[in-house]
Amino acid sequence: MTDPLDMLFESMRTYLSAATGVWEGRVYVDRAPAKKVRPYIVFFMASDTDLNEIVGVDPMIVLSVKCVAETRQAAFLGSAQITALLNDKGQQQVAAGSGPIGDDDWEISTISEDRGIYIPDRLGETGTVYHRGHQYEFRIGAKA
């Protein structure tokens, strides 16, 4: 059986890379490589994810998903596009196959948008990079 966190990361990378958005397919897990073209999406496990929630029967995993852009407007637009793709798009919330779907062992049952993320990140004297997104709670269910 695959690891639910590995499944979620791969499903998210595949789903968001194929989706239409200001990031144009640029999606990275954990961190973006240096000097990548912006805007892009980066997602990672949120710091408040409890390990006990990950190893349970129906794991709940919290991911931070954000758009990183050179303008505030692009970051906010990317975040709104991410929300449209993820919020309430689990397999128990919408028609099968219309959100990130999981793998042979696991399905993404529910997705709920949670805390907002907004970080204006100063880059020395060269300007500001804007991060905008949310934390999302993913309830994962084992397939029979």
N, C-alpha and C. Protein backbone atom coordinates (compact mmCIF):
# COMPACT_ATOMS: atom_id res chain seq x y z
N MET A 1 0.85 -1.18 0.00
CA MET A 1 0.00 0.00 0.00
C MET A 1 0.89 1.24 0.00
N THR A 2 0.54 2.21 -0.82
CA THR A 2 1.33 3.44 -0.89
C THR A 2 1.14 4.28 0.37
N ASP A 3 2.09 5.15 0.62
CA ASP A 3 2.01 6.07 1.75
C ASP A 3 1.02 7.19 1.39
N PRO A 4 0.08 7.54 2.29
CA PRO A 4 -0.91 8.55 1.93
C PRO A 4 -0.30 9.93 1.64
N LEU A 5 0.78 10.28 2.32
CA LEU A 5 1.41 11.57 2.07
C LEU A 5 2.07 11.59 0.69
N ASP A 6 2.75 10.50 0.33
CA ASP A 6 3.35 10.40 -1.01
C ASP A 6 2.27 10.49 -2.09
N MET A 7 1.15 9.78 -1.86
CA MET A 7 0.05 9.82 -2.82
C MET A 7 -0.48 11.24 -2.97
N LEU A 8 -0.67 11.93 -1.84
CA LEU A 8 -1.23 13.28 -1.89
C LEU A 8 -0.29 14.23 -2.63
N PHE A 9 0.99 14.16 -2.34
CA PHE A 9 1.95 15.04 -3.01
C PHE A 9 1.96 14.79 -4.52
N GLU A 10 1.98 13.53 -4.93
CA GLU A 10 2.00 13.22 -6.36
C GLU A 10 0.68 13.62 -7.04
N SER A 11 -0.45 13.35 -6.37
CA SER A 11 -1.75 13.73 -6.94
C SER A 11 -1.87 15.24 -7.10
N MET A 12 -1.42 15.98 -6.09
CA MET A 12 -1.48 17.44 -6.15
C MET A 12 -0.57 17.99 -7.24
N ARG A 13 0.64 17.48 -7.33
CA ARG A 13 1.59 17.95 -8.34
C ARG A 13 1.01 17.71 -9.74
N THR A 14 0.49 16.52 -9.97
CA THR A 14 -0.08 16.18 -11.27
C THR A 14 -1.32 17.02 -11.59
N TYR A 15 -2.23 17.13 -10.63
CA TYR A 15 -3.49 17.86 -10.82
C TYR A 15 -3.24 19.35 -11.08
N LEU A 16 -2.41 19.98 -10.24
CA LEU A 16 -2.18 21.42 -10.38
C LEU A 16 -1.32 21.74 -11.60
N SER A 17 -0.40 20.85 -11.95
CA SER A 17 0.43 21.08 -13.14
C SER A 17 -0.42 21.09 -14.41
N ALA A 18 -1.46 20.26 -14.44
CA ALA A 18 -2.32 20.16 -15.63
C ALA A 18 -3.40 21.24 -15.66
N ALA A 19 -3.64 21.89 -14.54
CA ALA A 19 -4.72 22.89 -14.45
C ALA A 19 -4.30 24.21 -15.10
N THR A 20 -5.30 24.93 -15.57
CA THR A 20 -5.07 26.24 -16.16
C THR A 20 -5.00 27.28 -15.05
N GLY A 21 -3.93 28.06 -15.05
CA GLY A 21 -3.78 29.12 -14.05
C GLY A 21 -2.61 30.01 -14.39
N VAL A 22 -2.45 31.07 -13.63
CA VAL A 22 -1.36 32.01 -13.90
C VAL A 22 0.02 31.36 -13.78
N TRP A 23 0.10 30.22 -13.11
CA TRP A 23 1.38 29.53 -12.90
C TRP A 23 1.84 28.74 -14.13
N GLU A 24 0.98 28.56 -15.11
CA GLU A 24 1.30 27.91 -16.39
C GLU A 24 2.06 26.58 -16.22
N GLY A 25 1.57 25.74 -15.30
CA GLY A 25 2.15 24.41 -15.13
C GLY A 25 3.34 24.33 -14.19
N ARG A 26 3.80 25.47 -13.68
CA ARG A 26 4.96 25.47 -12.78
C ARG A 26 4.49 25.19 -11.36
N VAL A 27 4.68 23.94 -10.90
CA VAL A 27 4.24 23.50 -9.58
C VAL A 27 5.38 22.76 -8.91
N TYR A 28 5.66 23.13 -7.67
CA TYR A 28 6.80 22.54 -6.95
C TYR A 28 6.36 22.04 -5.58
N VAL A 29 6.95 20.94 -5.16
CA VAL A 29 6.70 20.35 -3.85
C VAL A 29 7.81 20.83 -2.91
N ASP A 30 7.42 21.30 -1.75
CA ASP A 30 8.29 21.76 -0.66
C ASP A 30 8.95 23.11 -0.94
N ARG A 31 9.69 23.25 -2.03
CA ARG A 31 10.30 24.54 -2.36
C ARG A 31 10.59 24.59 -3.85
N ALA A 32 10.59 25.80 -4.36
CA ALA A 32 10.91 25.99 -5.77
C ALA A 32 12.42 26.11 -5.93
N PRO A 33 12.96 25.57 -7.00
CA PRO A 33 14.39 25.77 -7.27
C PRO A 33 14.69 27.26 -7.45
N ALA A 34 15.92 27.63 -7.20
CA ALA A 34 16.33 29.03 -7.31
C ALA A 34 16.11 29.57 -8.72
N LYS A 35 15.75 30.83 -8.77
CA LYS A 35 15.64 31.59 -10.03
C LYS A 35 14.63 31.02 -11.02
N LYS A 36 13.56 30.41 -10.51
CA LYS A 36 12.50 29.91 -11.39
C LYS A 36 11.59 31.05 -11.82
N VAL A 37 11.03 30.91 -13.00
CA VAL A 37 10.09 31.90 -13.53
C VAL A 37 8.86 31.94 -12.63
N ARG A 38 8.39 33.14 -12.33
CA ARG A 38 7.18 33.32 -11.55
C ARG A 38 6.08 33.83 -12.49
N PRO A 39 4.82 33.60 -12.16
CA PRO A 39 4.34 32.95 -10.95
C PRO A 39 4.44 31.43 -11.01
N TYR A 40 4.43 30.84 -9.82
CA TYR A 40 4.41 29.39 -9.70
C TYR A 40 3.66 29.02 -8.43
N ILE A 41 3.31 27.75 -8.32
CA ILE A 41 2.71 27.21 -7.10
C ILE A 41 3.77 26.41 -6.37
N VAL A 42 3.77 26.57 -5.06
CA VAL A 42 4.57 25.69 -4.21
C VAL A 42 3.63 25.20 -3.11
N PHE A 43 3.73 23.92 -2.79
CA PHE A 43 2.93 23.38 -1.68
C PHE A 43 3.79 22.49 -0.82
N PHE A 44 3.40 22.40 0.46
CA PHE A 44 4.19 21.66 1.44
C PHE A 44 3.31 21.34 2.63
N MET A 45 3.74 20.37 3.43
CA MET A 45 2.97 19.99 4.60
C MET A 45 3.02 21.14 5.60
N ALA A 46 1.86 21.51 6.12
CA ALA A 46 1.78 22.61 7.09
C ALA A 46 2.39 22.19 8.41
N SER A 47 2.95 23.14 9.10
CA SER A 47 3.65 22.84 10.35
C SER A 47 2.72 22.35 11.44
N ASP A 48 1.43 22.62 11.33
CA ASP A 48 0.53 22.17 12.39
C ASP A 48 -0.13 20.81 12.09
N THR A 49 0.36 20.10 11.09
CA THR A 49 -0.15 18.75 10.83
C THR A 49 0.34 17.82 11.92
N ASP A 50 -0.59 17.15 12.58
CA ASP A 50 -0.27 16.22 13.66
C ASP A 50 0.07 14.86 13.06
N LEU A 51 1.23 14.31 13.42
CA LEU A 51 1.66 13.02 12.90
C LEU A 51 0.62 11.94 13.15
N ASN A 52 -0.08 12.00 14.28
CA ASN A 52 -1.11 11.00 14.57
C ASN A 52 -2.25 11.05 13.57
N GLU A 53 -2.50 12.22 13.00
CA GLU A 53 -3.55 12.35 11.99
C GLU A 53 -3.13 11.69 10.67
N ILE A 54 -1.83 11.66 10.39
CA ILE A 54 -1.34 11.12 9.13
C ILE A 54 -1.36 9.60 9.11
N VAL A 55 -1.12 8.96 10.25
CA VAL A 55 -0.99 7.51 10.28
C VAL A 55 -2.29 6.80 10.66
N GLY A 56 -3.39 7.51 10.82
CA GLY A 56 -4.64 6.89 11.21
C GLY A 56 -5.32 6.16 10.06
N VAL A 57 -6.52 5.64 10.34
CA VAL A 57 -7.28 4.90 9.35
C VAL A 57 -7.69 5.81 8.18
N ASP A 58 -8.20 6.97 8.48
CA ASP A 58 -8.56 7.96 7.47
C ASP A 58 -7.71 9.20 7.72
N PRO A 59 -6.50 9.23 7.20
CA PRO A 59 -5.57 10.32 7.52
C PRO A 59 -6.11 11.69 7.13
N MET A 60 -5.77 12.69 7.95
CA MET A 60 -6.07 14.08 7.64
C MET A 60 -4.73 14.79 7.54
N ILE A 61 -4.45 15.36 6.37
CA ILE A 61 -3.17 16.01 6.11
C ILE A 61 -3.46 17.46 5.75
N VAL A 62 -2.72 18.36 6.37
CA VAL A 62 -2.86 19.79 6.08
C VAL A 62 -1.69 20.23 5.21
N LEU A 63 -2.00 20.78 4.04
CA LEU A 63 -0.97 21.31 3.15
C LEU A 63 -1.15 22.82 3.01
N SER A 64 -0.03 23.53 2.98
CA SER A 64 -0.02 24.93 2.59
C SER A 64 0.18 24.96 1.08
N VAL A 65 -0.70 25.65 0.38
CA VAL A 65 -0.63 25.74 -1.09
C VAL A 65 -0.68 27.22 -1.43
N LYS A 66 0.37 27.72 -2.10
CA LYS A 66 0.41 29.15 -2.37
C LYS A 66 0.95 29.45 -3.76
N CYS A 67 0.52 30.59 -4.26
CA CYS A 67 1.03 31.12 -5.52
C CYS A 67 2.09 32.16 -5.17
N VAL A 68 3.23 32.06 -5.82
CA VAL A 68 4.33 33.01 -5.61
C VAL A 68 4.50 33.80 -6.91
N ALA A 69 4.40 35.12 -6.79
CA ALA A 69 4.41 35.96 -8.00
C ALA A 69 5.16 37.27 -7.74
N GLU A 70 5.46 37.95 -8.82
CA GLU A 70 6.19 39.22 -8.72
C GLU A 70 5.28 40.41 -8.47
N THR A 71 3.96 40.22 -8.63
CA THR A 71 3.01 41.28 -8.29
C THR A 71 1.97 40.73 -7.33
N ARG A 72 1.45 41.63 -6.50
CA ARG A 72 0.40 41.24 -5.55
C ARG A 72 -0.82 40.74 -6.32
N GLN A 73 -1.15 41.41 -7.42
CA GLN A 73 -2.33 41.05 -8.20
C GLN A 73 -2.21 39.63 -8.74
N ALA A 74 -1.06 39.27 -9.28
CA ALA A 74 -0.87 37.91 -9.82
C ALA A 74 -0.93 36.87 -8.71
N ALA A 75 -0.37 37.19 -7.54
CA ALA A 75 -0.40 36.24 -6.42
C ALA A 75 -1.84 36.01 -5.95
N PHE A 76 -2.63 37.09 -5.86
CA PHE A 76 -4.02 36.95 -5.44
C PHE A 76 -4.85 36.24 -6.50
N LEU A 77 -4.61 36.52 -7.76
CA LEU A 77 -5.32 35.81 -8.83
C LEU A 77 -4.98 34.32 -8.79
N GLY A 78 -3.71 33.99 -8.66
CA GLY A 78 -3.30 32.59 -8.57
C GLY A 78 -3.94 31.89 -7.38
N SER A 79 -4.00 32.58 -6.24
CA SER A 79 -4.62 32.00 -5.06
C SER A 79 -6.11 31.74 -5.29
N ALA A 80 -6.80 32.68 -5.93
CA ALA A 80 -8.22 32.47 -6.24
C ALA A 80 -8.41 31.29 -7.19
N GLN A 81 -7.51 31.13 -8.14
CA GLN A 81 -7.59 29.99 -9.06
C GLN A 81 -7.34 28.68 -8.32
N ILE A 82 -6.41 28.67 -7.37
CA ILE A 82 -6.15 27.48 -6.56
C ILE A 82 -7.39 27.14 -5.74
N THR A 83 -8.01 28.15 -5.13
CA THR A 83 -9.23 27.92 -4.35
C THR A 83 -10.31 27.26 -5.21
N ALA A 84 -10.50 27.77 -6.42
CA ALA A 84 -11.51 27.21 -7.32
C ALA A 84 -11.21 25.75 -7.66
N LEU A 85 -9.94 25.39 -7.71
CA LEU A 85 -9.54 24.02 -8.05
C LEU A 85 -9.61 23.06 -6.87
N LEU A 86 -9.43 23.57 -5.65
CA LEU A 86 -9.29 22.67 -4.51
C LEU A 86 -10.43 22.71 -3.50
N ASN A 87 -10.94 23.88 -3.15
CA ASN A 87 -11.88 23.97 -2.04
C ASN A 87 -13.15 23.17 -2.33
N ASP A 88 -13.46 22.25 -1.41
CA ASP A 88 -14.64 21.38 -1.53
C ASP A 88 -14.61 20.53 -2.79
N LYS A 89 -13.43 20.09 -3.22
CA LYS A 89 -13.30 19.28 -4.43
C LYS A 89 -12.86 17.84 -4.15
N GLY A 90 -13.05 17.37 -2.92
CA GLY A 90 -12.77 15.96 -2.64
C GLY A 90 -13.77 15.06 -3.33
N GLN A 91 -13.47 13.78 -3.42
CA GLN A 91 -14.31 12.83 -4.14
C GLN A 91 -15.68 12.63 -3.50
N GLN A 92 -15.84 12.94 -2.20
CA GLN A 92 -17.15 12.87 -1.56
C GLN A 92 -17.91 14.19 -1.68
N GLN A 93 -17.26 15.20 -2.26
CA GLN A 93 -17.88 16.52 -2.35
C GLN A 93 -18.32 16.89 -3.76
N VAL A 94 -17.74 16.27 -4.77
CA VAL A 94 -18.06 16.59 -6.16
C VAL A 94 -18.14 15.30 -6.97
N ALA A 95 -18.48 15.44 -8.23
CA ALA A 95 -18.51 14.28 -9.11
C ALA A 95 -17.13 13.64 -9.19
N ALA A 96 -17.10 12.34 -9.18
CA ALA A 96 -15.83 11.60 -9.22
C ALA A 96 -14.98 12.06 -10.39
N GLY A 97 -13.70 12.28 -10.11
CA GLY A 97 -12.76 12.64 -11.16
C GLY A 97 -12.62 14.13 -11.43
N SER A 98 -13.39 14.99 -10.74
CA SER A 98 -13.29 16.41 -11.04
C SER A 98 -12.31 17.15 -10.14
N GLY A 99 -11.76 16.50 -9.15
CA GLY A 99 -10.72 17.08 -8.30
C GLY A 99 -9.52 16.14 -8.30
N PRO A 100 -8.52 16.41 -7.45
CA PRO A 100 -7.40 15.46 -7.36
C PRO A 100 -7.93 14.12 -6.84
N ILE A 101 -7.55 13.01 -7.47
CA ILE A 101 -8.27 11.76 -7.23
C ILE A 101 -7.54 10.70 -6.42
N GLY A 102 -6.27 10.83 -6.16
CA GLY A 102 -5.58 9.80 -5.40
C GLY A 102 -4.94 8.76 -6.30
N ASP A 103 -4.86 7.52 -5.77
CA ASP A 103 -4.23 6.43 -6.52
C ASP A 103 -5.01 5.15 -6.31
N ASP A 104 -4.40 4.00 -6.56
CA ASP A 104 -5.09 2.71 -6.43
C ASP A 104 -5.44 2.37 -4.99
N ASP A 105 -4.70 2.92 -4.02
CA ASP A 105 -4.90 2.58 -2.61
C ASP A 105 -5.70 3.62 -1.83
N TRP A 106 -5.61 4.89 -2.24
CA TRP A 106 -6.20 5.98 -1.47
C TRP A 106 -7.02 6.90 -2.37
N GLU A 107 -8.08 7.50 -1.77
CA GLU A 107 -8.80 8.56 -2.44
C GLU A 107 -8.74 9.81 -1.56
N ILE A 108 -8.82 10.95 -2.19
CA ILE A 108 -8.90 12.21 -1.46
C ILE A 108 -10.39 12.46 -1.24
N SER A 109 -10.86 12.15 -0.04
CA SER A 109 -12.30 12.17 0.24
C SER A 109 -12.85 13.59 0.33
N THR A 110 -12.21 14.44 1.13
CA THR A 110 -12.66 15.82 1.28
C THR A 110 -11.47 16.77 1.28
N ILE A 111 -11.72 17.99 0.81
CA ILE A 111 -10.72 19.05 0.83
C ILE A 111 -11.42 20.29 1.37
N SER A 112 -10.86 20.88 2.42
CA SER A 112 -11.45 22.07 3.03
C SER A 112 -10.41 23.18 3.14
N GLU A 113 -10.77 24.35 2.64
CA GLU A 113 -9.86 25.49 2.74
C GLU A 113 -9.86 26.00 4.18
N ASP A 114 -8.68 26.36 4.66
CA ASP A 114 -8.54 26.82 6.04
C ASP A 114 -7.82 28.17 6.04
N ARG A 115 -6.85 28.33 6.86
CA ARG A 115 -6.15 29.61 7.05
C ARG A 115 -5.58 30.19 5.77
N GLY A 116 -5.65 31.50 5.68
CA GLY A 116 -5.05 32.21 4.55
C GLY A 116 -3.55 32.43 4.78
N ILE A 117 -2.83 32.57 3.67
CA ILE A 117 -1.40 32.85 3.70
C ILE A 117 -1.17 34.10 2.85
N TYR A 118 -0.48 35.07 3.42
CA TYR A 118 -0.07 36.25 2.64
C TYR A 118 1.28 36.70 3.17
N ILE A 119 2.29 36.67 2.31
CA ILE A 119 3.64 37.07 2.69
C ILE A 119 4.22 37.95 1.59
N PRO A 120 4.42 39.24 1.87
CA PRO A 120 5.20 40.06 0.94
C PRO A 120 6.67 39.87 1.31
N ASP A 121 7.43 39.26 0.44
CA ASP A 121 8.81 38.84 0.73
C ASP A 121 9.80 39.77 0.04
N ARG A 122 10.51 40.55 0.81
CA ARG A 122 11.48 41.50 0.27
C ARG A 122 12.70 40.77 -0.26
N LEU A 123 13.13 41.11 -1.46
CA LEU A 123 14.31 40.49 -2.06
C LEU A 123 15.43 41.53 -2.18
N GLY A 124 16.06 41.83 -1.07
CA GLY A 124 17.14 42.81 -1.08
C GLY A 124 16.68 44.12 -1.68
N GLU A 125 17.46 44.66 -2.58
CA GLU A 125 17.13 45.93 -3.24
C GLU A 125 16.35 45.73 -4.53
N THR A 126 16.13 44.47 -4.91
CA THR A 126 15.53 44.21 -6.22
C THR A 126 14.01 44.22 -6.24
N GLY A 127 13.36 44.24 -5.11
CA GLY A 127 11.91 44.28 -5.12
C GLY A 127 11.28 43.31 -4.14
N THR A 128 10.03 42.99 -4.41
CA THR A 128 9.23 42.15 -3.53
C THR A 128 8.63 41.00 -4.34
N VAL A 129 8.57 39.85 -3.71
CA VAL A 129 7.87 38.70 -4.25
C VAL A 129 6.69 38.44 -3.31
N TYR A 130 5.52 38.17 -3.88
CA TYR A 130 4.31 38.00 -3.09
C TYR A 130 3.88 36.54 -3.05
N HIS A 131 3.54 36.08 -1.85
CA HIS A 131 3.05 34.72 -1.62
C HIS A 131 1.60 34.85 -1.16
N ARG A 132 0.68 34.17 -1.85
CA ARG A 132 -0.72 34.18 -1.44
C ARG A 132 -1.30 32.80 -1.66
N GLY A 133 -2.00 32.30 -0.64
CA GLY A 133 -2.64 30.99 -0.74
C GLY A 133 -3.39 30.67 0.54
N HIS A 134 -3.56 29.39 0.79
CA HIS A 134 -4.28 28.92 1.97
C HIS A 134 -3.70 27.60 2.44
N GLN A 135 -4.06 27.25 3.66
CA GLN A 135 -3.86 25.88 4.10
C GLN A 135 -5.13 25.12 3.74
N TYR A 136 -4.95 23.87 3.34
CA TYR A 136 -6.08 23.01 2.98
C TYR A 136 -6.00 21.73 3.79
N GLU A 137 -7.14 21.32 4.33
CA GLU A 137 -7.23 20.05 5.05
C GLU A 137 -7.71 18.99 4.07
N PHE A 138 -6.92 17.95 3.92
CA PHE A 138 -7.24 16.83 3.03
C PHE A 138 -7.57 15.62 3.88
N ARG A 139 -8.80 15.11 3.76
CA ARG A 139 -9.16 13.85 4.42
C ARG A 139 -8.95 12.75 3.40
N ILE A 140 -8.12 11.78 3.76
CA ILE A 140 -7.74 10.70 2.86
C ILE A 140 -8.45 9.42 3.29
N GLY A 141 -9.03 8.70 2.35
CA GLY A 141 -9.70 7.44 2.67
C GLY A 141 -9.08 6.28 1.92
N ALA A 142 -8.92 5.16 2.62
CA ALA A 142 -8.39 3.95 1.97
C ALA A 142 -9.47 3.37 1.06
N LYS A 143 -9.07 2.95 -0.14
CA LYS A 143 -10.00 2.30 -1.05
C LYS A 143 -10.14 0.83 -0.65
N ALA A 144 -11.32 0.31 -0.85
CA ALA A 144 -11.58 -1.09 -0.46
C ALA A 144 -10.92 -2.07 -1.41
